[in-house]
Amino acid sequence: MVEVYLKNEGFPVLKAYTAAEALEIIAQKELSLAILDVMLPDMDGFTLCQKIRESHLYPILMLSAKVEDMDKIMGLTLGADDYITKPFSPLELVARVKTQLRRYTRYNTADPREQERNEHDFRGLFICQDSHQCTLNGEDLTLTPIEFNILWYLCEHRGKVVSSEELFEAVWKEKYMDGNNTVMAHIARLREKMKEPSRKPKFIKTVWGVGYTIE
């Protein structure tokens, strides 16, 4: 199924059913990206990821039925660029492949420090400050200037918790007043446009009593 969707998008695909087969292909062919399943018959995907990283820098995307945070952290720590848990949408996978290839190509032809100031590109989300373009899994997000600025600020502080007060003063350029629900309302609309589940959002997460974060 993955092969069919990728070929439909014009990508040449080489398949391997074991890690040994994959390593043979890697040694013989010049690849642009690898998609690894964690569960393989002869070697787990994490070990294979490590072996690829010993000599190659192209993007690695991990697939797994495991949803534990430790598995995700392990995959990314060992050198994977993205991680998708099963079941997943093939269209989302294709979008993430395109994102990783776009990032890899861009960062190898330009100054990464310059790009990092103007764009954020991760887990299918792409946002560009210069063009005010924002896409999620290849689909355009129609955001108001306020919504765009909220999302941009959270991406700029990715991994950190941003309080409602800090977010309001950074976006609205006004002093935050207690009891102001403006930020909460805009976050809700932003999540709705991103089709985020309210209980377990993938991107904008609420840290109760503290603020919001994008991981």
N, C-alpha and C. Protein backbone atom coordinates (compact mmCIF):
# COMPACT_ATOMS: atom_id res chain seq x y z
N MET A 1 0.83 -1.20 0.00
CA MET A 1 0.00 0.00 0.00
C MET A 1 0.87 1.26 0.00
N VAL A 2 1.92 1.27 0.84
CA VAL A 2 2.82 2.42 0.89
C VAL A 2 3.50 2.60 -0.45
N GLU A 3 3.94 1.48 -1.05
CA GLU A 3 4.61 1.54 -2.35
C GLU A 3 3.67 2.13 -3.41
N VAL A 4 2.43 1.70 -3.42
CA VAL A 4 1.47 2.18 -4.42
C VAL A 4 1.27 3.68 -4.32
N TYR A 5 1.07 4.17 -3.11
CA TYR A 5 0.84 5.60 -2.93
C TYR A 5 2.07 6.42 -3.31
N LEU A 6 3.25 5.94 -2.96
CA LEU A 6 4.47 6.68 -3.28
C LEU A 6 4.73 6.68 -4.78
N LYS A 7 4.49 5.54 -5.43
CA LYS A 7 4.68 5.47 -6.89
C LYS A 7 3.68 6.35 -7.62
N ASN A 8 2.47 6.46 -7.08
CA ASN A 8 1.47 7.34 -7.68
C ASN A 8 1.91 8.79 -7.66
N GLU A 9 2.79 9.12 -6.70
CA GLU A 9 3.32 10.48 -6.60
C GLU A 9 4.62 10.66 -7.39
N GLY A 10 5.01 9.60 -8.08
CA GLY A 10 6.19 9.69 -8.93
C GLY A 10 7.50 9.29 -8.27
N PHE A 11 7.44 8.71 -7.08
CA PHE A 11 8.66 8.30 -6.38
C PHE A 11 9.05 6.87 -6.79
N PRO A 12 10.30 6.64 -7.21
CA PRO A 12 10.76 5.27 -7.40
C PRO A 12 10.95 4.61 -6.03
N VAL A 13 10.52 3.36 -5.89
CA VAL A 13 10.54 2.69 -4.58
C VAL A 13 11.31 1.38 -4.67
N LEU A 14 12.19 1.17 -3.70
CA LEU A 14 12.89 -0.10 -3.55
C LEU A 14 12.42 -0.73 -2.25
N LYS A 15 11.98 -2.00 -2.31
CA LYS A 15 11.44 -2.66 -1.12
C LYS A 15 12.40 -3.71 -0.58
N ALA A 16 12.40 -3.84 0.74
CA ALA A 16 13.17 -4.90 1.39
C ALA A 16 12.30 -5.49 2.50
N TYR A 17 12.28 -6.80 2.58
CA TYR A 17 11.44 -7.46 3.58
C TYR A 17 12.20 -7.80 4.85
N THR A 18 13.52 -7.65 4.81
CA THR A 18 14.35 -7.89 6.00
C THR A 18 15.39 -6.77 6.08
N ALA A 19 15.99 -6.64 7.24
CA ALA A 19 17.05 -5.64 7.43
C ALA A 19 18.26 -5.98 6.56
N ALA A 20 18.55 -7.28 6.42
CA ALA A 20 19.69 -7.70 5.60
C ALA A 20 19.51 -7.25 4.15
N GLU A 21 18.30 -7.43 3.61
CA GLU A 21 18.00 -6.99 2.25
C GLU A 21 18.14 -5.48 2.15
N ALA A 22 17.67 -4.79 3.16
CA ALA A 22 17.73 -3.32 3.16
C ALA A 22 19.18 -2.84 3.13
N LEU A 23 20.03 -3.47 3.93
CA LEU A 23 21.44 -3.07 3.98
C LEU A 23 22.14 -3.31 2.65
N GLU A 24 21.72 -4.36 1.94
CA GLU A 24 22.29 -4.63 0.61
C GLU A 24 21.91 -3.52 -0.37
N ILE A 25 20.65 -3.13 -0.33
CA ILE A 25 20.17 -2.05 -1.20
C ILE A 25 20.89 -0.75 -0.87
N ILE A 26 21.02 -0.47 0.43
CA ILE A 26 21.67 0.77 0.87
C ILE A 26 23.12 0.83 0.40
N ALA A 27 23.78 -0.31 0.40
CA ALA A 27 25.19 -0.36 -0.02
C ALA A 27 25.34 -0.18 -1.52
N GLN A 28 24.31 -0.57 -2.28
CA GLN A 28 24.43 -0.59 -3.75
C GLN A 28 23.77 0.61 -4.43
N LYS A 29 22.78 1.19 -3.79
CA LYS A 29 21.99 2.24 -4.43
C LYS A 29 22.18 3.59 -3.73
N GLU A 30 21.96 4.66 -4.47
CA GLU A 30 21.98 6.00 -3.88
C GLU A 30 20.54 6.39 -3.56
N LEU A 31 20.22 6.46 -2.29
CA LEU A 31 18.84 6.71 -1.85
C LEU A 31 18.65 8.16 -1.42
N SER A 32 17.39 8.57 -1.39
CA SER A 32 17.04 9.93 -0.94
C SER A 32 16.33 9.91 0.41
N LEU A 33 15.73 8.75 0.77
CA LEU A 33 14.97 8.67 2.02
C LEU A 33 14.71 7.20 2.32
N ALA A 34 14.64 6.86 3.61
CA ALA A 34 14.33 5.49 4.03
C ALA A 34 13.10 5.49 4.92
N ILE A 35 12.22 4.52 4.68
CA ILE A 35 11.06 4.30 5.55
C ILE A 35 11.27 2.93 6.20
N LEU A 36 11.37 2.92 7.52
CA LEU A 36 11.68 1.68 8.25
C LEU A 36 10.53 1.27 9.14
N ASP A 37 10.22 -0.02 9.10
CA ASP A 37 9.28 -0.57 10.08
C ASP A 37 10.09 -0.99 11.30
N VAL A 38 9.56 -0.74 12.49
CA VAL A 38 10.28 -1.13 13.70
C VAL A 38 10.37 -2.64 13.82
N MET A 39 9.28 -3.34 13.46
CA MET A 39 9.25 -4.80 13.62
C MET A 39 9.71 -5.48 12.33
N LEU A 40 10.94 -5.99 12.35
CA LEU A 40 11.50 -6.73 11.22
C LEU A 40 11.89 -8.12 11.69
N PRO A 41 11.93 -9.12 10.77
CA PRO A 41 12.18 -10.50 11.22
C PRO A 41 13.59 -10.77 11.71
N ASP A 42 14.58 -10.00 11.21
CA ASP A 42 15.96 -10.32 11.57
C ASP A 42 16.67 -9.25 12.39
N MET A 43 16.11 -8.06 12.46
CA MET A 43 16.73 -6.96 13.19
C MET A 43 15.66 -5.90 13.42
N ASP A 44 15.64 -5.27 14.59
CA ASP A 44 14.61 -4.25 14.80
C ASP A 44 14.98 -2.98 14.03
N GLY A 45 13.96 -2.19 13.74
CA GLY A 45 14.15 -0.98 12.93
C GLY A 45 15.06 0.04 13.57
N PHE A 46 15.11 0.08 14.90
CA PHE A 46 15.98 1.03 15.59
C PHE A 46 17.45 0.72 15.30
N THR A 47 17.82 -0.57 15.35
CA THR A 47 19.20 -0.96 15.07
C THR A 47 19.54 -0.67 13.61
N LEU A 48 18.60 -0.95 12.72
CA LEU A 48 18.81 -0.65 11.31
C LEU A 48 19.01 0.85 11.09
N CYS A 49 18.22 1.64 11.81
CA CYS A 49 18.35 3.10 11.73
C CYS A 49 19.76 3.53 12.13
N GLN A 50 20.26 2.95 13.21
CA GLN A 50 21.62 3.26 13.67
C GLN A 50 22.67 2.93 12.60
N LYS A 51 22.50 1.77 11.97
CA LYS A 51 23.46 1.34 10.96
C LYS A 51 23.45 2.28 9.75
N ILE A 52 22.26 2.74 9.37
CA ILE A 52 22.16 3.67 8.24
C ILE A 52 22.85 4.98 8.60
N ARG A 53 22.63 5.44 9.82
CA ARG A 53 23.20 6.72 10.25
C ARG A 53 24.73 6.70 10.34
N GLU A 54 25.32 5.53 10.38
CA GLU A 54 26.78 5.45 10.44
C GLU A 54 27.43 6.04 9.19
N SER A 55 26.69 6.02 8.06
CA SER A 55 27.31 6.49 6.81
C SER A 55 26.38 7.31 5.92
N HIS A 56 25.14 7.54 6.35
CA HIS A 56 24.21 8.28 5.49
C HIS A 56 23.44 9.32 6.29
N LEU A 57 23.16 10.45 5.63
CA LEU A 57 22.46 11.55 6.30
C LEU A 57 21.05 11.78 5.78
N TYR A 58 20.61 11.02 4.77
CA TYR A 58 19.27 11.26 4.22
C TYR A 58 18.19 10.96 5.26
N PRO A 59 16.97 11.51 5.07
CA PRO A 59 15.91 11.36 6.08
C PRO A 59 15.51 9.90 6.30
N ILE A 60 15.19 9.60 7.54
CA ILE A 60 14.67 8.28 7.92
C ILE A 60 13.33 8.47 8.62
N LEU A 61 12.34 7.75 8.13
CA LEU A 61 10.99 7.83 8.70
C LEU A 61 10.65 6.46 9.27
N MET A 62 10.25 6.42 10.54
CA MET A 62 9.96 5.16 11.21
C MET A 62 8.46 4.89 11.25
N LEU A 63 8.08 3.61 11.03
CA LEU A 63 6.70 3.17 11.15
C LEU A 63 6.62 2.15 12.29
N SER A 64 5.60 2.29 13.14
CA SER A 64 5.48 1.34 14.24
C SER A 64 4.06 1.28 14.75
N ALA A 65 3.67 0.10 15.24
CA ALA A 65 2.38 -0.06 15.89
C ALA A 65 2.46 0.32 17.35
N LYS A 66 3.68 0.55 17.84
CA LYS A 66 3.88 0.91 19.24
C LYS A 66 3.65 2.40 19.42
N VAL A 67 2.91 2.76 20.43
CA VAL A 67 2.59 4.18 20.64
C VAL A 67 3.24 4.74 21.90
N GLU A 68 4.01 3.92 22.61
CA GLU A 68 4.64 4.41 23.84
C GLU A 68 5.63 5.52 23.52
N ASP A 69 5.66 6.53 24.37
CA ASP A 69 6.57 7.66 24.17
C ASP A 69 8.02 7.22 24.08
N MET A 70 8.40 6.19 24.84
CA MET A 70 9.79 5.75 24.85
C MET A 70 10.22 5.25 23.49
N ASP A 71 9.30 4.58 22.77
CA ASP A 71 9.64 4.10 21.43
C ASP A 71 9.90 5.28 20.51
N LYS A 72 9.06 6.30 20.63
CA LYS A 72 9.22 7.48 19.79
C LYS A 72 10.54 8.18 20.10
N ILE A 73 10.81 8.36 21.37
CA ILE A 73 12.04 9.03 21.79
C ILE A 73 13.25 8.23 21.33
N MET A 74 13.19 6.91 21.45
CA MET A 74 14.31 6.07 21.04
C MET A 74 14.58 6.22 19.54
N GLY A 75 13.51 6.18 18.74
CA GLY A 75 13.67 6.29 17.30
C GLY A 75 14.29 7.61 16.89
N LEU A 76 13.84 8.70 17.48
CA LEU A 76 14.36 10.02 17.12
C LEU A 76 15.78 10.20 17.65
N THR A 77 16.07 9.63 18.83
CA THR A 77 17.41 9.75 19.39
C THR A 77 18.43 8.99 18.56
N LEU A 78 18.01 7.87 17.97
CA LEU A 78 18.94 7.06 17.20
C LEU A 78 19.13 7.58 15.78
N GLY A 79 18.44 8.67 15.45
CA GLY A 79 18.70 9.29 14.16
C GLY A 79 17.53 9.39 13.22
N ALA A 80 16.34 8.91 13.61
CA ALA A 80 15.17 9.04 12.74
C ALA A 80 14.73 10.50 12.69
N ASP A 81 14.16 10.90 11.55
CA ASP A 81 13.71 12.28 11.38
C ASP A 81 12.23 12.44 11.67
N ASP A 82 11.47 11.35 11.57
CA ASP A 82 10.04 11.42 11.82
C ASP A 82 9.56 10.04 12.23
N TYR A 83 8.37 9.98 12.81
CA TYR A 83 7.86 8.75 13.41
C TYR A 83 6.35 8.72 13.23
N ILE A 84 5.82 7.66 12.63
CA ILE A 84 4.37 7.55 12.42
C ILE A 84 3.90 6.24 13.03
N THR A 85 2.84 6.30 13.83
CA THR A 85 2.28 5.10 14.44
C THR A 85 1.12 4.57 13.59
N LYS A 86 0.98 3.26 13.57
CA LYS A 86 -0.10 2.60 12.84
C LYS A 86 -1.36 2.58 13.71
N PRO A 87 -2.53 2.65 13.11
CA PRO A 87 -2.78 2.85 11.68
C PRO A 87 -2.56 4.31 11.30
N PHE A 88 -2.18 4.55 10.05
CA PHE A 88 -1.95 5.91 9.59
C PHE A 88 -2.57 6.08 8.21
N SER A 89 -2.79 7.32 7.84
CA SER A 89 -3.31 7.63 6.51
C SER A 89 -2.16 7.60 5.51
N PRO A 90 -2.30 6.85 4.42
CA PRO A 90 -1.24 6.84 3.39
C PRO A 90 -0.96 8.24 2.85
N LEU A 91 -2.00 9.07 2.76
CA LEU A 91 -1.80 10.43 2.28
C LEU A 91 -0.95 11.23 3.24
N GLU A 92 -1.12 10.98 4.55
CA GLU A 92 -0.28 11.66 5.55
C GLU A 92 1.16 11.21 5.41
N LEU A 93 1.36 9.92 5.18
CA LEU A 93 2.71 9.40 5.00
C LEU A 93 3.38 10.05 3.80
N VAL A 94 2.65 10.13 2.68
CA VAL A 94 3.20 10.76 1.48
C VAL A 94 3.56 12.22 1.76
N ALA A 95 2.68 12.92 2.49
CA ALA A 95 2.94 14.32 2.82
C ALA A 95 4.20 14.46 3.67
N ARG A 96 4.38 13.54 4.61
CA ARG A 96 5.57 13.61 5.46
C ARG A 96 6.84 13.28 4.68
N VAL A 97 6.73 12.35 3.73
CA VAL A 97 7.87 12.05 2.87
C VAL A 97 8.27 13.29 2.10
N LYS A 98 7.29 13.99 1.53
CA LYS A 98 7.57 15.21 0.78
C LYS A 98 8.20 16.27 1.68
N THR A 99 7.70 16.38 2.90
CA THR A 99 8.24 17.35 3.85
C THR A 99 9.71 17.06 4.14
N GLN A 100 10.01 15.80 4.42
CA GLN A 100 11.39 15.44 4.75
C GLN A 100 12.33 15.65 3.55
N LEU A 101 11.87 15.32 2.36
CA LEU A 101 12.71 15.51 1.17
C LEU A 101 12.92 17.00 0.90
N ARG A 102 11.86 17.78 1.10
CA ARG A 102 11.98 19.23 0.89
C ARG A 102 12.97 19.83 1.88
N ARG A 103 12.87 19.42 3.13
CA ARG A 103 13.77 19.94 4.16
C ARG A 103 15.21 19.51 3.88
N TYR A 104 15.40 18.24 3.53
CA TYR A 104 16.75 17.71 3.29
C TYR A 104 17.40 18.43 2.10
N THR A 105 16.63 18.61 1.03
CA THR A 105 17.15 19.29 -0.15
C THR A 105 17.48 20.74 0.16
N ARG A 106 16.58 21.41 0.88
CA ARG A 106 16.77 22.83 1.19
C ARG A 106 17.97 23.03 2.10
N TYR A 107 18.11 22.20 3.13
CA TYR A 107 19.18 22.40 4.10
C TYR A 107 20.54 22.00 3.54
N ASN A 108 20.55 21.28 2.42
CA ASN A 108 21.82 20.92 1.82
C ASN A 108 22.21 21.84 0.67
N THR A 109 21.38 22.85 0.42
CA THR A 109 21.71 23.81 -0.64
C THR A 109 21.68 25.24 -0.13
N ALA A 110 21.39 25.44 1.16
CA ALA A 110 21.31 26.79 1.72
C ALA A 110 21.82 26.77 3.15
N ASP A 111 21.96 27.96 3.69
CA ASP A 111 22.42 28.11 5.08
C ASP A 111 21.27 27.73 6.01
N PRO A 112 21.37 26.62 6.78
CA PRO A 112 20.29 26.19 7.66
C PRO A 112 19.90 27.25 8.67
N ARG A 113 20.83 28.03 9.14
CA ARG A 113 20.51 29.04 10.16
C ARG A 113 19.58 30.10 9.59
N GLU A 114 19.79 30.42 8.31
CA GLU A 114 18.93 31.41 7.67
C GLU A 114 17.52 30.85 7.49
N GLN A 115 17.44 29.58 7.06
CA GLN A 115 16.14 28.96 6.83
C GLN A 115 15.36 28.81 8.13
N GLU A 116 16.06 28.48 9.19
CA GLU A 116 15.39 28.21 10.46
C GLU A 116 14.67 29.45 10.98
N ARG A 117 15.17 30.63 10.61
CA ARG A 117 14.53 31.85 11.10
C ARG A 117 13.21 32.13 10.38
N ASN A 118 13.07 31.59 9.16
CA ASN A 118 11.92 31.94 8.33
C ASN A 118 10.89 30.82 8.18
N GLU A 119 11.29 29.58 8.45
CA GLU A 119 10.40 28.45 8.23
C GLU A 119 10.51 27.43 9.35
N HIS A 120 9.41 26.71 9.55
CA HIS A 120 9.42 25.54 10.42
C HIS A 120 8.74 24.42 9.64
N ASP A 121 9.33 23.24 9.68
CA ASP A 121 8.88 22.14 8.85
C ASP A 121 9.08 20.85 9.62
N PHE A 122 8.01 20.31 10.21
CA PHE A 122 8.14 19.09 11.01
C PHE A 122 6.81 18.37 11.10
N ARG A 123 6.88 17.05 11.09
CA ARG A 123 5.72 16.15 11.25
C ARG A 123 4.55 16.54 10.36
N GLY A 124 4.84 16.97 9.14
CA GLY A 124 3.76 17.29 8.20
C GLY A 124 3.28 18.72 8.26
N LEU A 125 3.76 19.49 9.25
CA LEU A 125 3.37 20.90 9.37
C LEU A 125 4.47 21.78 8.78
N PHE A 126 4.09 22.66 7.86
CA PHE A 126 5.03 23.59 7.25
C PHE A 126 4.47 25.00 7.41
N ILE A 127 5.28 25.90 7.97
CA ILE A 127 4.86 27.28 8.14
C ILE A 127 6.02 28.20 7.77
N CYS A 128 5.73 29.18 6.92
CA CYS A 128 6.76 30.09 6.42
C CYS A 128 6.37 31.52 6.76
N GLN A 129 7.24 32.20 7.48
CA GLN A 129 6.93 33.56 7.92
C GLN A 129 6.96 34.54 6.75
N ASP A 130 7.89 34.36 5.82
CA ASP A 130 8.03 35.29 4.70
C ASP A 130 6.79 35.31 3.80
N SER A 131 6.29 34.12 3.46
CA SER A 131 5.14 34.03 2.55
C SER A 131 3.81 33.92 3.27
N HIS A 132 3.86 33.78 4.60
CA HIS A 132 2.65 33.54 5.40
C HIS A 132 1.89 32.32 4.90
N GLN A 133 2.64 31.34 4.40
CA GLN A 133 2.05 30.09 3.95
C GLN A 133 2.09 29.08 5.08
N CYS A 134 1.02 28.30 5.18
CA CYS A 134 0.99 27.25 6.19
C CYS A 134 0.26 26.05 5.61
N THR A 135 0.89 24.88 5.65
CA THR A 135 0.26 23.67 5.16
C THR A 135 0.38 22.57 6.21
N LEU A 136 -0.58 21.66 6.19
CA LEU A 136 -0.56 20.51 7.09
C LEU A 136 -0.81 19.27 6.25
N ASN A 137 0.18 18.38 6.23
CA ASN A 137 0.12 17.17 5.40
C ASN A 137 -0.21 17.50 3.94
N GLY A 138 0.40 18.58 3.45
CA GLY A 138 0.26 18.96 2.06
C GLY A 138 -0.96 19.81 1.73
N GLU A 139 -1.85 20.02 2.71
CA GLU A 139 -3.05 20.81 2.47
C GLU A 139 -2.89 22.20 3.09
N ASP A 140 -3.31 23.22 2.33
CA ASP A 140 -3.21 24.60 2.81
C ASP A 140 -4.12 24.82 4.01
N LEU A 141 -3.61 25.55 5.00
CA LEU A 141 -4.42 25.99 6.13
C LEU A 141 -4.72 27.47 5.94
N THR A 142 -5.98 27.81 5.92
CA THR A 142 -6.38 29.21 5.76
C THR A 142 -6.48 29.83 7.15
N LEU A 143 -5.45 30.57 7.53
CA LEU A 143 -5.37 31.14 8.87
C LEU A 143 -5.49 32.65 8.82
N THR A 144 -6.12 33.21 9.84
CA THR A 144 -6.14 34.66 9.98
C THR A 144 -4.74 35.10 10.42
N PRO A 145 -4.42 36.37 10.29
CA PRO A 145 -3.10 36.84 10.75
C PRO A 145 -2.83 36.50 12.22
N ILE A 146 -3.85 36.62 13.06
CA ILE A 146 -3.68 36.31 14.49
C ILE A 146 -3.39 34.81 14.67
N GLU A 147 -4.17 33.97 13.99
CA GLU A 147 -3.96 32.52 14.11
C GLU A 147 -2.57 32.13 13.61
N PHE A 148 -2.17 32.74 12.50
CA PHE A 148 -0.83 32.46 11.96
C PHE A 148 0.24 32.85 12.96
N ASN A 149 0.11 34.03 13.56
CA ASN A 149 1.11 34.51 14.52
C ASN A 149 1.17 33.65 15.77
N ILE A 150 0.02 33.15 16.21
CA ILE A 150 0.00 32.24 17.37
C ILE A 150 0.76 30.97 17.05
N LEU A 151 0.44 30.38 15.89
CA LEU A 151 1.09 29.13 15.50
C LEU A 151 2.59 29.34 15.29
N TRP A 152 2.94 30.47 14.67
CA TRP A 152 4.36 30.76 14.45
C TRP A 152 5.11 30.90 15.77
N TYR A 153 4.51 31.61 16.73
CA TYR A 153 5.18 31.83 18.01
C TYR A 153 5.38 30.50 18.74
N LEU A 154 4.38 29.63 18.69
CA LEU A 154 4.51 28.33 19.35
C LEU A 154 5.58 27.49 18.66
N CYS A 155 5.64 27.56 17.32
CA CYS A 155 6.68 26.81 16.60
C CYS A 155 8.07 27.36 16.92
N GLU A 156 8.17 28.68 17.05
CA GLU A 156 9.45 29.30 17.40
C GLU A 156 9.93 28.84 18.77
N HIS A 157 8.98 28.50 19.65
CA HIS A 157 9.32 28.07 21.00
C HIS A 157 8.96 26.58 21.19
N ARG A 158 9.12 25.83 20.11
CA ARG A 158 8.77 24.42 20.12
C ARG A 158 9.50 23.68 21.23
N GLY A 159 8.75 22.87 21.98
CA GLY A 159 9.33 22.12 23.08
C GLY A 159 9.25 22.82 24.41
N LYS A 160 8.89 24.11 24.37
CA LYS A 160 8.74 24.88 25.61
C LYS A 160 7.27 25.20 25.84
N VAL A 161 6.91 25.37 27.10
CA VAL A 161 5.53 25.74 27.43
C VAL A 161 5.42 27.26 27.44
N VAL A 162 4.48 27.77 26.65
CA VAL A 162 4.26 29.22 26.55
C VAL A 162 2.97 29.56 27.29
N SER A 163 3.04 30.47 28.24
CA SER A 163 1.85 30.84 29.00
C SER A 163 0.91 31.67 28.15
N SER A 164 -0.37 31.70 28.54
CA SER A 164 -1.36 32.51 27.84
C SER A 164 -0.97 33.98 27.87
N GLU A 165 -0.40 34.40 28.99
CA GLU A 165 0.02 35.80 29.13
C GLU A 165 1.12 36.13 28.13
N GLU A 166 2.13 35.27 28.05
CA GLU A 166 3.24 35.51 27.12
C GLU A 166 2.75 35.50 25.67
N LEU A 167 1.87 34.54 25.35
CA LEU A 167 1.36 34.41 23.99
C LEU A 167 0.54 35.63 23.60
N PHE A 168 -0.32 36.09 24.52
CA PHE A 168 -1.16 37.25 24.24
C PHE A 168 -0.31 38.50 24.01
N GLU A 169 0.64 38.74 24.88
CA GLU A 169 1.45 39.95 24.77
C GLU A 169 2.37 39.92 23.55
N ALA A 170 2.79 38.70 23.13
CA ALA A 170 3.64 38.58 21.95
C ALA A 170 2.86 38.79 20.66
N VAL A 171 1.62 38.31 20.63
CA VAL A 171 0.81 38.36 19.41
C VAL A 171 0.00 39.65 19.30
N TRP A 172 -0.66 40.03 20.42
CA TRP A 172 -1.54 41.20 20.38
C TRP A 172 -0.81 42.50 20.72
N LYS A 173 0.40 42.38 21.27
CA LYS A 173 1.20 43.55 21.65
C LYS A 173 0.47 44.43 22.67
N GLU A 174 -0.29 43.79 23.53
CA GLU A 174 -1.01 44.50 24.58
C GLU A 174 -0.76 43.80 25.91
N LYS A 175 -1.06 44.51 27.00
CA LYS A 175 -0.88 43.93 28.33
C LYS A 175 -1.98 42.92 28.60
N TYR A 176 -1.59 41.77 29.09
CA TYR A 176 -2.55 40.70 29.39
C TYR A 176 -3.28 41.00 30.69
N MET A 177 -4.59 40.78 30.67
CA MET A 177 -5.42 40.99 31.87
C MET A 177 -5.96 39.64 32.34
N ASP A 178 -5.98 39.42 33.65
CA ASP A 178 -6.50 38.17 34.19
C ASP A 178 -7.93 37.94 33.72
N GLY A 179 -8.25 36.68 33.44
CA GLY A 179 -9.59 36.34 33.01
C GLY A 179 -9.81 36.52 31.51
N ASN A 180 -8.75 36.88 30.79
CA ASN A 180 -8.86 37.07 29.34
C ASN A 180 -8.85 35.70 28.66
N ASN A 181 -9.96 35.36 27.97
CA ASN A 181 -10.06 34.06 27.30
C ASN A 181 -9.78 34.15 25.80
N THR A 182 -9.22 35.26 25.36
CA THR A 182 -8.97 35.47 23.94
C THR A 182 -8.05 34.40 23.38
N VAL A 183 -6.96 34.12 24.07
CA VAL A 183 -6.00 33.13 23.60
C VAL A 183 -6.66 31.76 23.50
N MET A 184 -7.42 31.38 24.51
CA MET A 184 -8.09 30.08 24.52
C MET A 184 -9.03 29.93 23.32
N ALA A 185 -9.77 30.99 23.01
CA ALA A 185 -10.72 30.95 21.90
C ALA A 185 -9.99 30.80 20.56
N HIS A 186 -8.88 31.51 20.40
CA HIS A 186 -8.13 31.42 19.14
C HIS A 186 -7.43 30.07 19.01
N ILE A 187 -6.95 29.52 20.10
CA ILE A 187 -6.33 28.19 20.07
C ILE A 187 -7.37 27.16 19.65
N ALA A 188 -8.59 27.29 20.16
CA ALA A 188 -9.66 26.36 19.81
C ALA A 188 -9.96 26.41 18.31
N ARG A 189 -10.02 27.63 17.75
CA ARG A 189 -10.29 27.77 16.31
C ARG A 189 -9.12 27.23 15.48
N LEU A 190 -7.91 27.46 15.98
CA LEU A 190 -6.73 26.97 15.28
C LEU A 190 -6.72 25.44 15.25
N ARG A 191 -7.03 24.82 16.37
CA ARG A 191 -7.10 23.36 16.43
C ARG A 191 -8.18 22.83 15.49
N GLU A 192 -9.30 23.54 15.43
CA GLU A 192 -10.40 23.12 14.55
C GLU A 192 -9.95 23.13 13.09
N LYS A 193 -9.24 24.17 12.69
CA LYS A 193 -8.75 24.26 11.31
C LYS A 193 -7.71 23.19 11.02
N MET A 194 -6.94 22.81 12.04
CA MET A 194 -5.93 21.77 11.88
C MET A 194 -6.52 20.37 12.05
N LYS A 195 -7.83 20.32 12.31
CA LYS A 195 -8.55 19.05 12.52
C LYS A 195 -7.91 18.25 13.64
N GLU A 196 -7.58 18.95 14.70
CA GLU A 196 -6.95 18.34 15.87
C GLU A 196 -8.02 17.77 16.80
N PRO A 197 -7.86 16.52 17.27
CA PRO A 197 -8.79 16.00 18.28
C PRO A 197 -8.65 16.80 19.57
N SER A 198 -9.76 17.11 20.20
CA SER A 198 -9.72 17.98 21.39
C SER A 198 -9.02 17.32 22.57
N ARG A 199 -9.14 16.01 22.71
CA ARG A 199 -8.57 15.34 23.88
C ARG A 199 -7.09 15.01 23.72
N LYS A 200 -6.70 14.57 22.52
CA LYS A 200 -5.30 14.20 22.30
C LYS A 200 -4.78 14.86 21.02
N PRO A 201 -4.57 16.17 21.05
CA PRO A 201 -4.07 16.85 19.86
C PRO A 201 -2.64 16.43 19.53
N LYS A 202 -2.31 16.40 18.25
CA LYS A 202 -0.96 16.03 17.83
C LYS A 202 0.02 17.18 17.98
N PHE A 203 -0.49 18.40 17.79
CA PHE A 203 0.42 19.55 17.74
C PHE A 203 0.28 20.45 18.97
N ILE A 204 -0.77 21.26 19.01
CA ILE A 204 -0.90 22.24 20.10
C ILE A 204 -1.50 21.55 21.33
N LYS A 205 -0.68 21.40 22.35
CA LYS A 205 -1.12 20.72 23.56
C LYS A 205 -1.26 21.70 24.72
N THR A 206 -2.27 21.46 25.54
CA THR A 206 -2.50 22.29 26.71
C THR A 206 -1.79 21.70 27.92
N VAL A 207 -1.01 22.52 28.58
CA VAL A 207 -0.40 22.13 29.86
C VAL A 207 -1.22 22.86 30.92
N TRP A 208 -2.12 22.15 31.55
CA TRP A 208 -3.11 22.77 32.42
C TRP A 208 -2.47 23.60 33.52
N GLY A 209 -2.97 24.82 33.63
CA GLY A 209 -2.47 25.72 34.65
C GLY A 209 -1.18 26.43 34.27
N VAL A 210 -0.63 26.10 33.09
CA VAL A 210 0.64 26.70 32.68
C VAL A 210 0.50 27.42 31.34
N GLY A 211 0.09 26.68 30.30
CA GLY A 211 -0.03 27.32 28.99
C GLY A 211 -0.13 26.31 27.88
N TYR A 212 0.52 26.59 26.75
CA TYR A 212 0.43 25.74 25.56
C TYR A 212 1.83 25.41 25.04
N THR A 213 1.90 24.28 24.35
CA THR A 213 3.19 23.88 23.79
C THR A 213 2.99 23.10 22.51
N ILE A 214 3.96 23.18 21.62
CA ILE A 214 4.04 22.32 20.43
C ILE A 214 5.27 21.46 20.61
N GLU A 215 5.10 20.15 20.46
CA GLU A 215 6.23 19.24 20.66
C GLU A 215 6.86 18.88 19.32
